[in-house]
Amino acid sequence: MPDFDRHSLLDLPPYPAAGYARLADRIAALIGTGNDVVFVQAEAVVALEAAATSLGRPGLRALNIVTSPYGELFGGWLKRAGAEVIELRAEPGLPVTVEAVAQALAGADGIDLVALVHAESASGILNPLPEIAELAREKGALLLVDAVASAGGHELDVDALGIDIAVIGPQKGLGGPAGISALSVSPRAWQAIDRTDTPRHSVLSLVDIKRNWLDAGRGVLSGMPSALEFHALEAALDRVEAEGIAAAIARHLRAQRAARAGLQALGARLWVSDENEASRLVTTILLPEGLDAHRLAQHGAAVAVGLSAGVGVVASRLLRLDHTGPRASRDTVLAGIRAVARVLREAGVAVSETAAEAAVDALWTS
C-alpha cells in the first residue's frame, strides 16, 4: 500500500475557474508556443483521437508516419473520418529516416497533413522531428506531433518547428497526472478544424472545446472537471518550473547517457545504437534469442523497478528501462540496471554488474 494518507486525495476544493487559463499559459511557455493550448479531460490517447477525428474529413490527404502502434491508431482514426491516408512505415521498432519521409512527400501530391510521434516509449526511439518539420513546411502541410513521450525530456519548441498541433500528456517527462492532456493548436489548424461538417457534441470534438472554453473567455471548463487531476497538474508544473525546463531536459539526457553506458558495460545490447535516435525517457535493450521480455518483466526484481516489455511488432525481444520525469535520476538508473542484471543472470546470461555500476557513476559525475 502507498505510504501516504489516501484520504487526503478526497474532498479536494474545486479547482478555481481562473486557474485553467493560467495552466494553459504555463504549458504554452514550457513547449515554446503562442498558439492556443486547450485541455482534454482524459489520458492523451483520447486527445490524439480527438485531433484525428476533428481534422479528418473526405478530401483530406495525410502522410501518417508509423513507428509504433500509436501511429497506426492515428491513421485508423483519420481513415474513419474519411481522410485519404498514406502510411509510411519505418522498420519495426526503429525511427523513420528523413530520406524515407522526403521520398514519400515527393511522390505524393496535395498532402494536407503530416502526422508523427516524436519520441516512442514503445521501443525507446526518437524520430527526426526538426528535419520532418522542415519537409512538411516545404510541402505546405499541417504538422501534427504526438509529443506525449518527449515533452519535458526532449527539446520541443512548437513555434520554431512550425508544429500546428502538439499533443502532450504530463504523466511522462513532466512527472504529472495521466488523467489530463493538452493540445496546442495553431490558427491554421483551427481553420482546418472549425468546419460546418466537423463532429460536434462529442468528447472527441475540438470545436466544442473551442466554442465552450476558448471562445467563452477561458473560464471554467465544461462538464465536471476533475479537481484532483488539475491540482496534480499544477503541482507538476510547479516542480518543473522550479527546476527549469532546460535543467529537466538536461537531467533526462544525463539519465539516458548513464543508462546506455551502464547497460553496455553490463553486457546488454542496446536496441538503438545511436544516442541521437534514442528516447531520453526510456532505454531499451534487445534480448538474446530465446528470452521473452514479457516473461522477464514479470520477475519480482523487474516489477519492483518498473522494467517492462516493449510494445509492438518486436515487443517480445525488447526490455525497457524507464527513467521518465522524477525517475531520471542516478539512483533510479542504477536500480534499473541492477534489476536487468538480476533477470538476465537468472536467465543464464553472463553480466558484469560491477562494471555497469562503475559506468553509471562515471557518467553521472562527469
Foldseek 3Di string as FASTA:
>chain_A
DDPDDPCVLPPDDFDAQVVQVVLQVLVCVLQADPFGKFKQQFFLLLVLLLLLLLLAAAPAEEEQEDAAVSSVVSQVSNVVRRYHYDYDYDDHLFEDDLVSLLVVLVVDPDHAEYEDEAADPQRFWGYPQLSNLVSCVVNVHAYEYACAQPRLAHRHNCVVSVHQKYKYACVWQLVFDRRMIMIGHHPVSCVSRPDPPRDPPDSSRPVNRCVQAVVVPNTHGPDRRDRSRVVRSVVSSVVCVVCDSVNSNVLLLLLQQLLVQLCVQFVFAWPDPDPVTGRSFKTKTFADPPAFQQVLCPDPLNVVLVWGFHHHDRRRGIIIQGCTHVSSDLVSSLSSSVSVSVSCVVVPHRTDSVRSNVSSVVSNVD
